[in-house]
PDB file of all heavy atoms in Angstrom:
ATOM      1  N   ALA A   1     133.774 242.122  45.402  1.00  0.00           N
ATOM      2  CA  ALA A   1     134.135 242.245  43.975  1.00  0.00           C
ATOM      3  C   ALA A   1     134.639 240.899  43.438  1.00  0.00           C
ATOM      4  O   ALA A   1     134.324 240.500  42.308  1.00  0.00           O
ATOM      5  CB  ALA A   1     135.175 243.341  43.764  1.00  0.00           C
ATOM      6  N   TRP A   2     135.432 240.193  44.242  1.00  0.00           N
ATOM      7  CA  TRP A   2     135.915 238.880  43.822  1.00  0.00           C
ATOM      8  C   TRP A   2     134.779 237.893  43.641  1.00  0.00           C
ATOM      9  O   TRP A   2     134.712 237.179  42.629  1.00  0.00           O
ATOM     10  CB  TRP A   2     136.940 238.361  44.855  1.00  0.00           C
ATOM     11  CG  TRP A   2     137.397 236.974  44.476  1.00  0.00           C
ATOM     12  CD1 TRP A   2     138.294 236.625  43.508  1.00  0.00           C
ATOM     13  CD2 TRP A   2     136.980 235.754  45.096  1.00  0.00           C
ATOM     14  NE1 TRP A   2     138.456 235.271  43.477  1.00  0.00           N
ATOM     15  CE2 TRP A   2     137.671 234.707  44.424  1.00  0.00           C
ATOM     16  CE3 TRP A   2     136.103 235.435  46.124  1.00  0.00           C
ATOM     17  CZ2 TRP A   2     137.492 233.365  44.758  1.00  0.00           C
ATOM     18  CZ3 TRP A   2     135.943 234.107  46.472  1.00  0.00           C
ATOM     19  CH2 TRP A   2     136.628 233.093  45.799  1.00  0.00           C
ATOM     20  N   VAL A   3     133.846 237.863  44.626  1.00  0.00           N
ATOM     21  CA  VAL A   3     132.685 236.980  44.502  1.00  0.00           C
ATOM     22  C   VAL A   3     131.841 237.347  43.259  1.00  0.00           C
ATOM     23  O   VAL A   3     131.442 236.467  42.499  1.00  0.00           O
ATOM     24  CB  VAL A   3     131.817 237.002  45.793  1.00  0.00           C
ATOM     25  CG1 VAL A   3     130.496 236.261  45.592  1.00  0.00           C
ATOM     26  CG2 VAL A   3     132.588 236.448  46.975  1.00  0.00           C
ATOM     27  N   GLN A   4     131.670 238.660  43.025  1.00  0.00           N
ATOM     28  CA  GLN A   4     130.902 239.075  41.837  1.00  0.00           C
ATOM     29  C   GLN A   4     131.612 238.685  40.563  1.00  0.00           C
ATOM     30  O   GLN A   4     130.963 238.380  39.568  1.00  0.00           O
ATOM     31  CB  GLN A   4     130.686 240.589  41.914  1.00  0.00           C
ATOM     32  CG  GLN A   4     129.789 241.137  40.845  1.00  0.00           C
ATOM     33  CD  GLN A   4     128.361 240.607  40.931  1.00  0.00           C
ATOM     34  OE1 GLN A   4     127.823 240.436  41.989  1.00  0.00           O
ATOM     35  NE2 GLN A   4     127.760 240.323  39.784  1.00  0.00           N
ATOM     36  N   SER A   5     132.943 238.663  40.559  1.00  0.00           N
ATOM     37  CA  SER A   5     133.686 238.296  39.355  1.00  0.00           C
ATOM     38  C   SER A   5     133.497 236.826  38.979  1.00  0.00           C
ATOM     39  O   SER A   5     133.729 236.451  37.838  1.00  0.00           O
ATOM     40  CB  SER A   5     135.187 238.590  39.551  1.00  0.00           C
ATOM     41  OG  SER A   5     135.763 237.623  40.413  1.00  0.00           O
ATOM     42  N   LEU A   6     133.049 236.026  39.936  1.00  0.00           N
ATOM     43  CA  LEU A   6     132.796 234.631  39.659  1.00  0.00           C
ATOM     44  C   LEU A   6     131.546 234.421  38.841  1.00  0.00           C
ATOM     45  O   LEU A   6     131.293 233.356  38.298  1.00  0.00           O
ATOM     46  CB  LEU A   6     132.708 233.825  40.976  1.00  0.00           C
ATOM     47  CG  LEU A   6     133.947 233.850  41.827  1.00  0.00           C
ATOM     48  CD1 LEU A   6     133.699 233.127  43.153  1.00  0.00           C
ATOM     49  CD2 LEU A   6     135.148 233.268  41.097  1.00  0.00           C
ATOM     50  N   GLY A   7     130.703 235.482  38.743  1.00  0.00           N
ATOM     51  CA  GLY A   7     129.530 235.460  37.885  1.00  0.00           C
ATOM     52  C   GLY A   7     128.236 235.196  38.647  1.00  0.00           C
ATOM     53  O   GLY A   7     128.217 234.519  39.659  1.00  0.00           O
ATOM     54  N   GLY A   8     127.206 235.773  38.111  1.00  0.00           N
ATOM     55  CA  GLY A   8     125.862 235.603  38.668  1.00  0.00           C
ATOM     56  C   GLY A   8     125.602 236.442  39.901  1.00  0.00           C
ATOM     57  O   GLY A   8     126.508 236.960  40.512  1.00  0.00           O
ATOM     58  N   GLY A   9     124.328 236.542  40.216  1.00  0.00           N
ATOM     59  CA  GLY A   9     123.925 237.229  41.394  1.00  0.00           C
ATOM     60  C   GLY A   9     123.850 238.747  41.220  1.00  0.00           C
ATOM     61  O   GLY A   9     124.477 239.287  40.309  1.00  0.00           O
ATOM     62  N   PRO A  10     123.108 239.398  42.083  1.00  0.00           N
ATOM     63  CA  PRO A  10     122.999 240.858  41.979  1.00  0.00           C
ATOM     64  C   PRO A  10     124.264 241.541  42.454  1.00  0.00           C
ATOM     65  O   PRO A  10     125.030 240.996  43.238  1.00  0.00           O
ATOM     66  CB  PRO A  10     121.807 241.180  42.899  1.00  0.00           C
ATOM     67  CG  PRO A  10     121.769 240.039  43.868  1.00  0.00           C
ATOM     68  CD  PRO A  10     122.287 238.846  43.135  1.00  0.00           C
ATOM     69  N   THR A  11     124.472 242.735  41.990  1.00  0.00           N
ATOM     70  CA  THR A  11     125.622 243.530  42.413  1.00  0.00           C
ATOM     71  C   THR A  11     125.305 244.269  43.716  1.00  0.00           C
ATOM     72  O   THR A  11     124.150 244.394  44.092  1.00  0.00           O
ATOM     73  CB  THR A  11     126.025 244.572  41.350  1.00  0.00           C
ATOM     74  OG1 THR A  11     124.903 245.446  41.137  1.00  0.00           O
ATOM     75  CG2 THR A  11     126.403 243.882  40.020  1.00  0.00           C
ATOM     76  N   VAL A  12     126.336 244.742  44.384  1.00  0.00           N
ATOM     77  CA  VAL A  12     126.141 245.551  45.596  1.00  0.00           C
ATOM     78  C   VAL A  12     125.497 246.847  45.166  1.00  0.00           C
ATOM     79  O   VAL A  12     125.971 247.520  44.249  1.00  0.00           O
ATOM     80  CB  VAL A  12     127.506 245.805  46.291  1.00  0.00           C
ATOM     81  CG1 VAL A  12     127.320 246.724  47.473  1.00  0.00           C
ATOM     82  CG2 VAL A  12     128.141 244.489  46.731  1.00  0.00           C
ATOM     83  N   PRO A  13     124.402 247.225  45.810  1.00  0.00           N
ATOM     84  CA  PRO A  13     123.730 248.475  45.410  1.00  0.00           C
ATOM     85  C   PRO A  13     124.596 249.701  45.714  1.00  0.00           C
ATOM     86  O   PRO A  13     125.328 249.736  46.691  1.00  0.00           O
ATOM     87  CB  PRO A  13     122.449 248.472  46.265  1.00  0.00           C
ATOM     88  CG  PRO A  13     122.757 247.594  47.416  1.00  0.00           C
ATOM     89  CD  PRO A  13     123.742 246.583  46.932  1.00  0.00           C
ATOM     90  N   ASP A  14     124.504 250.702  44.811  1.00  0.00           N
ATOM     91  CA  ASP A  14     125.250 251.910  45.041  1.00  0.00           C
ATOM     92  C   ASP A  14     124.434 252.879  45.924  1.00  0.00           C
ATOM     93  O   ASP A  14     123.303 252.573  46.278  1.00  0.00           O
ATOM     94  CB  ASP A  14     125.688 252.538  43.735  1.00  0.00           C
ATOM     95  CG  ASP A  14     124.511 252.927  42.837  1.00  0.00           C
ATOM     96  OD1 ASP A  14     123.396 253.131  43.370  1.00  0.00           O
ATOM     97  OD2 ASP A  14     124.675 253.021  41.612  1.00  0.00           O
ATOM     98  N   ALA A  15     125.013 253.987  46.240  1.00  0.00           N
ATOM     99  CA  ALA A  15     124.373 254.947  47.145  1.00  0.00           C
ATOM    100  C   ALA A  15     123.044 255.448  46.630  1.00  0.00           C
ATOM    101  O   ALA A  15     122.098 255.660  47.401  1.00  0.00           O
ATOM    102  CB  ALA A  15     125.321 256.129  47.394  1.00  0.00           C
ATOM    103  N   SER A  16     122.898 255.611  45.299  1.00  0.00           N
ATOM    104  CA  SER A  16     121.622 256.093  44.767  1.00  0.00           C
ATOM    105  C   SER A  16     120.511 255.059  44.925  1.00  0.00           C
ATOM    106  O   SER A  16     119.321 255.410  45.025  1.00  0.00           O
ATOM    107  CB  SER A  16     121.785 256.477  43.283  1.00  0.00           C
ATOM    108  OG  SER A  16     122.034 255.330  42.489  1.00  0.00           O
ATOM    109  N   GLN A  17     120.866 253.759  44.945  1.00  0.00           N
ATOM    110  CA  GLN A  17     119.870 252.720  45.081  1.00  0.00           C
ATOM    111  C   GLN A  17     119.306 252.620  46.478  1.00  0.00           C
ATOM    112  O   GLN A  17     118.226 252.135  46.687  1.00  0.00           O
ATOM    113  CB  GLN A  17     120.412 251.362  44.642  1.00  0.00           C
ATOM    114  CG  GLN A  17     120.652 251.245  43.153  1.00  0.00           C
ATOM    115  CD  GLN A  17     121.292 249.937  42.817  1.00  0.00           C
ATOM    116  OE1 GLN A  17     122.449 249.714  43.116  1.00  0.00           O
ATOM    117  NE2 GLN A  17     120.528 249.059  42.156  1.00  0.00           N
ATOM    118  N   VAL A  18     120.084 253.047  47.465  1.00  0.00           N
ATOM    119  CA  VAL A  18     119.617 252.946  48.876  1.00  0.00           C
ATOM    120  C   VAL A  18     119.327 254.303  49.491  1.00  0.00           C
ATOM    121  O   VAL A  18     118.967 254.383  50.669  1.00  0.00           O
ATOM    122  CB  VAL A  18     120.670 252.193  49.737  1.00  0.00           C
ATOM    123  CG1 VAL A  18     120.853 250.782  49.230  1.00  0.00           C
ATOM    124  CG2 VAL A  18     121.988 252.935  49.774  1.00  0.00           C
ATOM    125  N   SER A  19     119.447 255.368  48.706  1.00  0.00           N
ATOM    126  CA  SER A  19     119.183 256.735  49.220  1.00  0.00           C
ATOM    127  C   SER A  19     117.710 256.911  49.584  1.00  0.00           C
ATOM    128  O   SER A  19     116.800 256.506  48.831  1.00  0.00           O
ATOM    129  CB  SER A  19     119.574 257.747  48.157  1.00  0.00           C
ATOM    130  OG  SER A  19     119.147 259.036  48.563  1.00  0.00           O
ATOM    131  N   ALA A  20     117.496 257.509  50.724  1.00  0.00           N
ATOM    132  CA  ALA A  20     116.109 257.730  51.179  1.00  0.00           C
ATOM    133  C   ALA A  20     115.644 259.130  50.820  1.00  0.00           C
ATOM    134  O   ALA A  20     114.605 259.577  51.288  1.00  0.00           O
ATOM    135  CB  ALA A  20     116.032 257.527  52.676  1.00  0.00           C
ATOM    136  N   GLY A  21     116.380 259.823  49.967  1.00  0.00           N
ATOM    137  CA  GLY A  21     116.066 261.218  49.595  1.00  0.00           C
ATOM    138  C   GLY A  21     114.661 261.400  49.023  1.00  0.00           C
ATOM    139  O   GLY A  21     113.928 262.293  49.467  1.00  0.00           O
ATOM    140  N   SER A  22     114.249 260.582  48.076  1.00  0.00           N
ATOM    141  CA  SER A  22     112.943 260.727  47.455  1.00  0.00           C
ATOM    142  C   SER A  22     111.973 259.639  47.917  1.00  0.00           C
ATOM    143  O   SER A  22     110.984 259.382  47.245  1.00  0.00           O
ATOM    144  CB  SER A  22     113.082 260.652  45.920  1.00  0.00           C
ATOM    145  OG  SER A  22     113.563 259.373  45.548  1.00  0.00           O
ATOM    146  N   ALA A  23     112.261 259.057  49.052  1.00  0.00           N
ATOM    147  CA  ALA A  23     111.456 257.936  49.523  1.00  0.00           C
ATOM    148  C   ALA A  23     110.185 258.413  50.230  1.00  0.00           C
ATOM    149  O   ALA A  23     110.156 259.470  50.811  1.00  0.00           O
ATOM    150  CB  ALA A  23     112.292 257.060  50.478  1.00  0.00           C
ATOM    151  N   ASP A  24     109.176 257.556  50.158  1.00  0.00           N
ATOM    152  CA  ASP A  24     107.897 257.798  50.803  1.00  0.00           C
ATOM    153  C   ASP A  24     107.800 256.839  52.009  1.00  0.00           C
ATOM    154  O   ASP A  24     107.507 255.654  51.819  1.00  0.00           O
ATOM    155  CB  ASP A  24     106.771 257.538  49.795  1.00  0.00           C
ATOM    156  CG  ASP A  24     105.360 257.781  50.361  1.00  0.00           C
ATOM    157  OD1 ASP A  24     105.271 258.077  51.579  1.00  0.00           O
ATOM    158  OD2 ASP A  24     104.424 257.644  49.604  1.00  0.00           O
ATOM    159  N   THR A  25     108.025 257.352  53.206  1.00  0.00           N
ATOM    160  CA  THR A  25     108.038 256.467  54.378  1.00  0.00           C
ATOM    161  C   THR A  25     106.654 255.899  54.676  1.00  0.00           C
ATOM    162  O   THR A  25     106.558 254.800  55.212  1.00  0.00           O
ATOM    163  CB  THR A  25     108.580 257.188  55.633  1.00  0.00           C
ATOM    164  OG1 THR A  25     107.807 258.382  55.877  1.00  0.00           O
ATOM    165  CG2 THR A  25     110.039 257.550  55.487  1.00  0.00           C
ATOM    166  N   ALA A  26     105.612 256.619  54.338  1.00  0.00           N
ATOM    167  CA  ALA A  26     104.237 256.103  54.560  1.00  0.00           C
ATOM    168  C   ALA A  26     104.009 254.871  53.685  1.00  0.00           C
ATOM    169  O   ALA A  26     103.468 253.842  54.156  1.00  0.00           O
ATOM    170  CB  ALA A  26     103.186 257.175  54.299  1.00  0.00           C
ATOM    171  N   LEU A  27     104.371 254.948  52.437  1.00  0.00           N
ATOM    172  CA  LEU A  27     104.263 253.781  51.545  1.00  0.00           C
ATOM    173  C   LEU A  27     105.208 252.689  51.993  1.00  0.00           C
ATOM    174  O   LEU A  27     104.863 251.492  51.982  1.00  0.00           O
ATOM    175  CB  LEU A  27     104.575 254.158  50.093  1.00  0.00           C
ATOM    176  CG  LEU A  27     104.543 253.015  49.078  1.00  0.00           C
ATOM    177  CD1 LEU A  27     103.153 252.318  49.056  1.00  0.00           C
ATOM    178  CD2 LEU A  27     104.927 253.509  47.696  1.00  0.00           C
ATOM    179  N   GLY A  28     106.418 253.077  52.494  1.00  0.00           N
ATOM    180  CA  GLY A  28     107.344 252.103  53.035  1.00  0.00           C
ATOM    181  C   GLY A  28     106.749 251.344  54.198  1.00  0.00           C
ATOM    182  O   GLY A  28     106.975 250.134  54.308  1.00  0.00           O
ATOM    183  N   GLU A  29     105.998 252.017  55.045  1.00  0.00           N
ATOM    184  CA  GLU A  29     105.369 251.340  56.171  1.00  0.00           C
ATOM    185  C   GLU A  29     104.329 250.333  55.696  1.00  0.00           C
ATOM    186  O   GLU A  29     104.276 249.197  56.203  1.00  0.00           O
ATOM    187  CB  GLU A  29     104.687 252.362  57.093  1.00  0.00           C
ATOM    188  CG  GLU A  29     103.996 251.717  58.281  1.00  0.00           C
ATOM    189  CD  GLU A  29     103.331 252.720  59.203  1.00  0.00           C
ATOM    190  OE1 GLU A  29     103.243 253.905  58.854  1.00  0.00           O
ATOM    191  OE2 GLU A  29     102.936 252.305  60.297  1.00  0.00           O
ATOM    192  N   VAL A  30     103.536 250.702  54.701  1.00  0.00           N
ATOM    193  CA  VAL A  30     102.548 249.791  54.151  1.00  0.00           C
ATOM    194  C   VAL A  30     103.215 248.571  53.525  1.00  0.00           C
ATOM    195  O   VAL A  30     102.830 247.433  53.780  1.00  0.00           O
ATOM    196  CB  VAL A  30     101.651 250.505  53.092  1.00  0.00           C
ATOM    197  CG1 VAL A  30     100.759 249.557  52.331  1.00  0.00           C
ATOM    198  CG2 VAL A  30     100.831 251.588  53.758  1.00  0.00           C
ATOM    199  N   LEU A  31     104.274 248.803  52.748  1.00  0.00           N
ATOM    200  CA  LEU A  31     104.988 247.704  52.129  1.00  0.00           C
ATOM    201  C   LEU A  31     105.693 246.825  53.154  1.00  0.00           C
ATOM    202  O   LEU A  31     105.715 245.595  53.022  1.00  0.00           O
ATOM    203  CB  LEU A  31     105.998 248.270  51.111  1.00  0.00           C
ATOM    204  CG  LEU A  31     105.397 248.932  49.871  1.00  0.00           C
ATOM    205  CD1 LEU A  31     106.467 249.716  49.122  1.00  0.00           C
ATOM    206  CD2 LEU A  31     104.748 247.920  48.983  1.00  0.00           C
TER     207      LEU A  31
END
Protein backbone atom coordinates (compact mmCIF):
# COMPACT_ATOMS: atom_id res chain seq x y z
CA ALA A 1 0.00 0.00 0.00
CA TRP A 2 2.86 2.39 0.77
CA VAL A 3 4.56 1.65 -2.57
CA GLN A 4 1.21 2.10 -4.36
CA SER A 5 0.72 5.46 -2.60
CA LEU A 6 3.88 6.71 -4.31
CA GLY A 7 1.95 6.55 -7.58
CA GLY A 8 1.97 4.57 -10.76
CA GLY A 9 1.94 0.90 -11.46
CA PRO A 10 -0.83 -1.66 -11.24
CA THR A 11 -2.62 -2.39 -7.98
CA VAL A 12 -2.50 -5.72 -6.18
CA PRO A 13 -5.24 -7.87 -7.72
CA ASP A 14 -8.18 -8.72 -5.50
CA ALA A 15 -9.64 -12.20 -5.01
CA SER A 16 -12.12 -11.83 -7.89
CA GLN A 17 -9.28 -11.05 -10.33
CA VAL A 18 -7.41 -14.26 -9.51
CA SER A 19 -10.39 -16.55 -8.86
CA ALA A 20 -10.40 -19.70 -10.97
CA GLY A 21 -14.17 -20.16 -10.53
CA SER A 22 -15.20 -19.30 -14.10
CA ALA A 23 -11.84 -20.12 -15.68
CA ASP A 24 -11.33 -22.34 -18.71
CA THR A 25 -8.25 -24.49 -18.00
CA ALA A 26 -8.14 -25.79 -21.59
CA LEU A 27 -7.87 -22.23 -22.94
CA GLY A 28 -5.42 -21.50 -20.12
CA GLU A 29 -3.21 -24.34 -21.36
CA VAL A 30 -3.26 -22.96 -24.91
CA LEU A 31 -2.44 -19.46 -23.68
